Amino acid sequence: MLKRAGWKCQALGCAAHGRRGRIRLYADHISERRDGAASLDPVNGQALCPKYHAEKTAQARAARMRS
């Protein structure tokens, strides 16, 4: 999945978006496993830098707590 993303953060607006190099990346589930998504589905994956991965995870957690 990271190779498919070209080893770049896929978050729009990220300063590292589209930049290859020495940035840390997380293999992120687009739809969270806790919400019933398949854990190994390659279509459900995206590469995110630490900042955007943490932001997306916090938003998903807050949404779960509201429901």
PDB file of N, CA and C in Angstrom:
ATOM      1  N   MET A   1       0.819  -1.174   0.000  1.00  0.00           N
ATOM      2  CA  MET A   1       0.000   0.000   0.000  1.00  0.00           C
ATOM      3  C   MET A   1       0.873   1.251   0.000  1.00  0.00           C
ATOM      4  N   LEU A   2       1.920   1.265   0.795  1.00  0.00           N
ATOM      5  CA  LEU A   2       2.821   2.414   0.809  1.00  0.00           C
ATOM      6  C   LEU A   2       3.528   2.563  -0.537  1.00  0.00           C
ATOM      7  N   LYS A   3       3.887   1.439  -1.122  1.00  0.00           N
ATOM      8  CA  LYS A   3       4.520   1.478  -2.444  1.00  0.00           C
ATOM      9  C   LYS A   3       3.541   2.035  -3.473  1.00  0.00           C
ATOM     10  N   ARG A   4       2.272   1.597  -3.402  1.00  0.00           N
ATOM     11  CA  ARG A   4       1.248   2.093  -4.327  1.00  0.00           C
ATOM     12  C   ARG A   4       1.087   3.612  -4.196  1.00  0.00           C
ATOM     13  N   ALA A   5       1.252   4.133  -2.986  1.00  0.00           N
ATOM     14  CA  ALA A   5       1.131   5.573  -2.736  1.00  0.00           C
ATOM     15  C   ALA A   5       2.394   6.328  -3.144  1.00  0.00           C
ATOM     16  N   GLY A   6       3.375   5.602  -3.646  1.00  0.00           N
ATOM     17  CA  GLY A   6       4.622   6.247  -4.056  1.00  0.00           C
ATOM     18  C   GLY A   6       5.454   6.725  -2.880  1.00  0.00           C
ATOM     19  N   TRP A   7       5.224   6.124  -1.713  1.00  0.00           N
ATOM     20  CA  TRP A   7       5.934   6.480  -0.481  1.00  0.00           C
ATOM     21  C   TRP A   7       5.731   7.958  -0.137  1.00  0.00           C
ATOM     22  N   LYS A   8       4.506   8.452  -0.359  1.00  0.00           N
ATOM     23  CA  LYS A   8       4.161   9.848  -0.080  1.00  0.00           C
ATOM     24  C   LYS A   8       2.898   9.898   0.759  1.00  0.00           C
ATOM     25  N   CYS A   9       2.775  10.929   1.596  1.00  0.00           N
ATOM     26  CA  CYS A   9       1.546  11.142   2.362  1.00  0.00           C
ATOM     27  C   CYS A   9       0.436  11.486   1.378  1.00  0.00           C
ATOM     28  N   GLN A  10      -0.712  10.857   1.536  1.00  0.00           N
ATOM     29  CA  GLN A  10      -1.822  11.064   0.616  1.00  0.00           C
ATOM     30  C   GLN A  10      -2.830  12.094   1.110  1.00  0.00           C
ATOM     31  N   ALA A  11      -2.583  12.715   2.255  1.00  0.00           N
ATOM     32  CA  ALA A  11      -3.512  13.714   2.786  1.00  0.00           C
ATOM     33  C   ALA A  11      -3.373  15.016   2.008  1.00  0.00           C
ATOM     34  N   LEU A  12      -4.483  15.491   1.473  1.00  0.00           N
ATOM     35  CA  LEU A  12      -4.465  16.779   0.791  1.00  0.00           C
ATOM     36  C   LEU A  12      -4.228  17.873   1.822  1.00  0.00           C
ATOM     37  N   GLY A  13      -3.402  18.817   1.497  1.00  0.00           N
ATOM     38  CA  GLY A  13      -3.089  19.889   2.430  1.00  0.00           C
ATOM     39  C   GLY A  13      -1.856  19.613   3.273  1.00  0.00           C
ATOM     40  N   CYS A  14      -1.341  18.419   3.206  1.00  0.00           N
ATOM     41  CA  CYS A  14      -0.144  18.064   3.967  1.00  0.00           C
ATOM     42  C   CYS A  14       1.080  18.687   3.297  1.00  0.00           C
ATOM     43  N   ALA A  15       1.963  19.255   4.097  1.00  0.00           N
ATOM     44  CA  ALA A  15       3.187  19.843   3.550  1.00  0.00           C
ATOM     45  C   ALA A  15       4.042  18.774   2.873  1.00  0.00           C
ATOM     46  N   ALA A  16       3.900  17.532   3.308  1.00  0.00           N
ATOM     47  CA  ALA A  16       4.666  16.430   2.728  1.00  0.00           C
ATOM     48  C   ALA A  16       3.911  15.748   1.587  1.00  0.00           C
ATOM     49  N   HIS A  17       2.669  16.187   1.299  1.00  0.00           N
ATOM     50  CA  HIS A  17       1.858  15.561   0.245  1.00  0.00           C
ATOM     51  C   HIS A  17       2.599  15.645  -1.085  1.00  0.00           C
ATOM     52  N   GLY A  18       2.754  14.510  -1.718  1.00  0.00           N
ATOM     53  CA  GLY A  18       3.414  14.471  -3.012  1.00  0.00           C
ATOM     54  C   GLY A  18       4.928  14.536  -2.944  1.00  0.00           C
ATOM     55  N   ARG A  19       5.489  14.618  -1.753  1.00  0.00           N
ATOM     56  CA  ARG A  19       6.941  14.702  -1.617  1.00  0.00           C
ATOM     57  C   ARG A  19       7.483  13.359  -1.169  1.00  0.00           C
ATOM     58  N   ARG A  20       8.354  12.821  -1.952  1.00  0.00           N
ATOM     59  CA  ARG A  20       9.032  11.581  -1.573  1.00  0.00           C
ATOM     60  C   ARG A  20      10.221  11.923  -0.714  1.00  0.00           C
ATOM     61  N   GLY A  21      10.583  11.015   0.106  1.00  0.00           N
ATOM     62  CA  GLY A  21      11.804  11.255   0.858  1.00  0.00           C
ATOM     63  C   GLY A  21      11.739  10.691   2.251  1.00  0.00           C
ATOM     64  N   ARG A  22      12.402  11.371   3.131  1.00  0.00           N
ATOM     65  CA  ARG A  22      12.591  10.856   4.477  1.00  0.00           C
ATOM     66  C   ARG A  22      11.482  11.320   5.408  1.00  0.00           C
ATOM     67  N   ILE A  23      10.262  10.964   5.072  1.00  0.00           N
ATOM     68  CA  ILE A  23       9.153  11.241   5.972  1.00  0.00           C
ATOM     69  C   ILE A  23       8.611   9.909   6.470  1.00  0.00           C
ATOM     70  N   ARG A  24       8.166   9.891   7.698  1.00  0.00           N
ATOM     71  CA  ARG A  24       7.579   8.679   8.270  1.00  0.00           C
ATOM     72  C   ARG A  24       6.150   8.565   7.753  1.00  0.00           C
ATOM     73  N   LEU A  25       5.747   7.364   7.409  1.00  0.00           N
ATOM     74  CA  LEU A  25       4.392   7.132   6.915  1.00  0.00           C
ATOM     75  C   LEU A  25       3.731   6.005   7.688  1.00  0.00           C
ATOM     76  N   TYR A  26       2.429   6.120   7.837  1.00  0.00           N
ATOM     77  CA  TYR A  26       1.615   5.071   8.442  1.00  0.00           C
ATOM     78  C   TYR A  26       0.700   4.482   7.376  1.00  0.00           C
ATOM     79  N   ALA A  27       0.541   3.181   7.386  1.00  0.00           N
ATOM     80  CA  ALA A  27      -0.456   2.518   6.546  1.00  0.00           C
ATOM     81  C   ALA A  27      -1.776   2.633   7.301  1.00  0.00           C
ATOM     82  N   ASP A  28      -2.646   3.496   6.816  1.00  0.00           N
ATOM     83  CA  ASP A  28      -3.890   3.832   7.503  1.00  0.00           C
ATOM     84  C   ASP A  28      -5.074   3.148   6.844  1.00  0.00           C
ATOM     85  N   HIS A  29      -6.018   2.688   7.663  1.00  0.00           N
ATOM     86  CA  HIS A  29      -7.277   2.156   7.138  1.00  0.00           C
ATOM     87  C   HIS A  29      -8.205   3.331   6.858  1.00  0.00           C
ATOM     88  N   ILE A  30      -8.698   3.453   5.643  1.00  0.00           N
ATOM     89  CA  ILE A  30      -9.615   4.537   5.291  1.00  0.00           C
ATOM     90  C   ILE A  30     -10.884   4.401   6.121  1.00  0.00           C
ATOM     91  N   SER A  31     -11.484   3.225   6.095  1.00  0.00           N
ATOM     92  CA  SER A  31     -12.598   2.901   6.992  1.00  0.00           C
ATOM     93  C   SER A  31     -12.007   2.073   8.120  1.00  0.00           C
ATOM     94  N   GLU A  32     -12.218   2.498   9.343  1.00  0.00           N
ATOM     95  CA  GLU A  32     -11.575   1.861  10.488  1.00  0.00           C
ATOM     96  C   GLU A  32     -12.035   0.424  10.701  1.00  0.00           C
ATOM     97  N   ARG A  33     -11.115  -0.411  11.144  1.00  0.00           N
ATOM     98  CA  ARG A  33     -11.449  -1.806  11.451  1.00  0.00           C
ATOM     99  C   ARG A  33     -12.503  -1.873  12.540  1.00  0.00           C
ATOM    100  N   ARG A  34     -12.445  -0.978  13.501  1.00  0.00           N
ATOM    101  CA  ARG A  34     -13.446  -0.960  14.577  1.00  0.00           C
ATOM    102  C   ARG A  34     -14.843  -0.700  14.040  1.00  0.00           C
ATOM    103  N   ASP A  35     -14.911  -0.092  12.867  1.00  0.00           N
ATOM    104  CA  ASP A  35     -16.204   0.203  12.253  1.00  0.00           C
ATOM    105  C   ASP A  35     -16.619  -0.882  11.262  1.00  0.00           C
ATOM    106  N   GLY A  36     -15.886  -2.008  11.263  1.00  0.00           N
ATOM    107  CA  GLY A  36     -16.268  -3.155  10.454  1.00  0.00           C
ATOM    108  C   GLY A  36     -15.529  -3.322   9.141  1.00  0.00           C
ATOM    109  N   ALA A  37     -14.539  -2.502   8.877  1.00  0.00           N
ATOM    110  CA  ALA A  37     -13.794  -2.618   7.621  1.00  0.00           C
ATOM    111  C   ALA A  37     -12.843  -3.815   7.675  1.00  0.00           C
ATOM    112  N   ALA A  38     -12.570  -4.381   6.508  1.00  0.00           N
ATOM    113  CA  ALA A  38     -11.638  -5.506   6.413  1.00  0.00           C
ATOM    114  C   ALA A  38     -10.219  -5.012   6.693  1.00  0.00           C
ATOM    115  N   SER A  39      -9.480  -5.759   7.485  1.00  0.00           N
ATOM    116  CA  SER A  39      -8.153  -5.298   7.900  1.00  0.00           C
ATOM    117  C   SER A  39      -7.099  -5.386   6.803  1.00  0.00           C
ATOM    118  N   LEU A  40      -7.240  -6.308   5.880  1.00  0.00           N
ATOM    119  CA  LEU A  40      -6.205  -6.488   4.858  1.00  0.00           C
ATOM    120  C   LEU A  40      -6.667  -6.116   3.454  1.00  0.00           C
ATOM    121  N   ASP A  41      -7.743  -5.377   3.324  1.00  0.00           N
ATOM    122  CA  ASP A  41      -8.245  -4.960   2.017  1.00  0.00           C
ATOM    123  C   ASP A  41      -7.377  -3.816   1.492  1.00  0.00           C
ATOM    124  N   PRO A  42      -6.617  -4.025   0.407  1.00  0.00           N
ATOM    125  CA  PRO A  42      -5.723  -2.978  -0.089  1.00  0.00           C
ATOM    126  C   PRO A  42      -6.458  -1.716  -0.556  1.00  0.00           C
ATOM    127  N   VAL A  43      -7.704  -1.844  -0.948  1.00  0.00           N
ATOM    128  CA  VAL A  43      -8.488  -0.681  -1.380  1.00  0.00           C
ATOM    129  C   VAL A  43      -8.815   0.214  -0.181  1.00  0.00           C
ATOM    130  N   ASN A  44      -8.788  -0.358   1.006  1.00  0.00           N
ATOM    131  CA  ASN A  44      -9.119   0.373   2.225  1.00  0.00           C
ATOM    132  C   ASN A  44      -7.877   0.981   2.882  1.00  0.00           C
ATOM    133  N   GLY A  45      -6.821   1.177   2.140  1.00  0.00           N
ATOM    134  CA  GLY A  45      -5.594   1.697   2.728  1.00  0.00           C
ATOM    135  C   GLY A  45      -5.112   2.977   2.082  1.00  0.00           C
ATOM    136  N   GLN A  46      -4.428   3.788   2.890  1.00  0.00           N
ATOM    137  CA  GLN A  46      -3.796   5.001   2.381  1.00  0.00           C
ATOM    138  C   GLN A  46      -2.560   5.281   3.224  1.00  0.00           C
ATOM    139  N   ALA A  47      -1.609   5.994   2.644  1.00  0.00           N
ATOM    140  CA  ALA A  47      -0.396   6.376   3.355  1.00  0.00           C
ATOM    141  C   ALA A  47      -0.600   7.755   3.959  1.00  0.00           C
ATOM    142  N   LEU A  48      -0.361   7.876   5.267  1.00  0.00           N
ATOM    143  CA  LEU A  48      -0.501   9.165   5.944  1.00  0.00           C
ATOM    144  C   LEU A  48       0.727   9.446   6.805  1.00  0.00           C
ATOM    145  N   CYS A  49       1.131  10.712   6.851  1.00  0.00           N
ATOM    146  CA  CYS A  49       2.211  11.127   7.747  1.00  0.00           C
ATOM    147  C   CYS A  49       1.673  11.110   9.179  1.00  0.00           C
ATOM    148  N   PRO A  50       2.542  11.166  10.184  1.00  0.00           N
ATOM    149  CA  PRO A  50       2.079  11.096  11.572  1.00  0.00           C
ATOM    150  C   PRO A  50       1.029  12.145  11.935  1.00  0.00           C
ATOM    151  N   LYS A  51       1.194  13.378  11.466  1.00  0.00           N
ATOM    152  CA  LYS A  51       0.247  14.446  11.805  1.00  0.00           C
ATOM    153  C   LYS A  51      -1.161  14.112  11.324  1.00  0.00           C
ATOM    154  N   TYR A  52      -1.294  13.741  10.056  1.00  0.00           N
ATOM    155  CA  TYR A  52      -2.617  13.473   9.506  1.00  0.00           C
ATOM    156  C   TYR A  52      -3.185  12.143   9.987  1.00  0.00           C
ATOM    157  N   HIS A  53      -2.325  11.179  10.277  1.00  0.00           N
ATOM    158  CA  HIS A  53      -2.804   9.912  10.824  1.00  0.00           C
ATOM    159  C   HIS A  53      -3.415  10.141  12.207  1.00  0.00           C
ATOM    160  N   ALA A  54      -2.733  10.912  13.047  1.00  0.00           N
ATOM    161  CA  ALA A  54      -3.248  11.201  14.391  1.00  0.00           C
ATOM    162  C   ALA A  54      -4.543  12.000  14.313  1.00  0.00           C
ATOM    163  N   GLU A  55      -4.599  12.965  13.403  1.00  0.00           N
ATOM    164  CA  GLU A  55      -5.799  13.792  13.241  1.00  0.00           C
ATOM    165  C   GLU A  55      -6.996  12.949  12.803  1.00  0.00           C
ATOM    166  N   LYS A  56      -6.787  12.084  11.822  1.00  0.00           N
ATOM    167  CA  LYS A  56      -7.869  11.236  11.315  1.00  0.00           C
ATOM    168  C   LYS A  56      -8.333  10.257  12.393  1.00  0.00           C
ATOM    169  N   THR A  57      -7.395   9.676  13.128  1.00  0.00           N
ATOM    170  CA  THR A  57      -7.736   8.734  14.190  1.00  0.00           C
ATOM    171  C   THR A  57      -8.546   9.420  15.288  1.00  0.00           C
ATOM    172  N   ALA A  58      -8.152  10.633  15.671  1.00  0.00           N
ATOM    173  CA  ALA A  58      -8.879  11.375  16.708  1.00  0.00           C
ATOM    174  C   ALA A  58     -10.294  11.715  16.248  1.00  0.00           C
ATOM    175  N   GLN A  59     -10.452  12.087  14.988  1.00  0.00           N
ATOM    176  CA  GLN A  59     -11.782  12.403  14.456  1.00  0.00           C
ATOM    177  C   GLN A  59     -12.675  11.169  14.458  1.00  0.00           C
ATOM    178  N   ALA A  60     -12.130  10.030  14.068  1.00  0.00           N
ATOM    179  CA  ALA A  60     -12.909   8.786  14.048  1.00  0.00           C
ATOM    180  C   ALA A  60     -13.303   8.379  15.467  1.00  0.00           C
ATOM    181  N   ARG A  61     -12.389   8.534  16.412  1.00  0.00           N
ATOM    182  CA  ARG A  61     -12.676   8.200  17.810  1.00  0.00           C
ATOM    183  C   ARG A  61     -13.783   9.108  18.359  1.00  0.00           C
ATOM    184  N   ALA A  62     -13.708  10.396  18.065  1.00  0.00           N
ATOM    185  CA  ALA A  62     -14.730  11.342  18.529  1.00  0.00           C
ATOM    186  C   ALA A  62     -16.090  11.014  17.923  1.00  0.00           C
ATOM    187  N   ALA A  63     -16.114  10.633  16.653  1.00  0.00           N
ATOM    188  CA  ALA A  63     -17.375  10.273  15.992  1.00  0.00           C
ATOM    189  C   ALA A  63     -17.990   9.036  16.638  1.00  0.00           C
ATOM    190  N   ARG A  64     -17.148   8.044  16.986  1.00  0.00           N
ATOM    191  CA  ARG A  64     -17.653   6.840  17.651  1.00  0.00           C
ATOM    192  C   ARG A  64     -18.227   7.174  19.023  1.00  0.00           C
ATOM    193  N   MET A  65     -17.598   8.081  19.733  1.00  0.00           N
ATOM    194  CA  MET A  65     -18.065   8.438  21.075  1.00  0.00           C
ATOM    195  C   MET A  65     -19.393   9.200  21.017  1.00  0.00           C
ATOM    196  N   ARG A  66     -19.607   9.965  19.943  1.00  0.00           N
ATOM    197  CA  ARG A  66     -20.862  10.706  19.799  1.00  0.00           C
ATOM    198  C   ARG A  66     -22.030   9.787  19.487  1.00  0.00           C
ATOM    199  N   SER A  67     -21.757   8.667  18.836  1.00  0.00           N
ATOM    200  CA  SER A  67     -22.862   7.776  18.444  1.00  0.00           C
ATOM    201  C   SER A  67     -23.125   6.693  19.458  1.00  0.00           C
TER     202      SER A  67
END
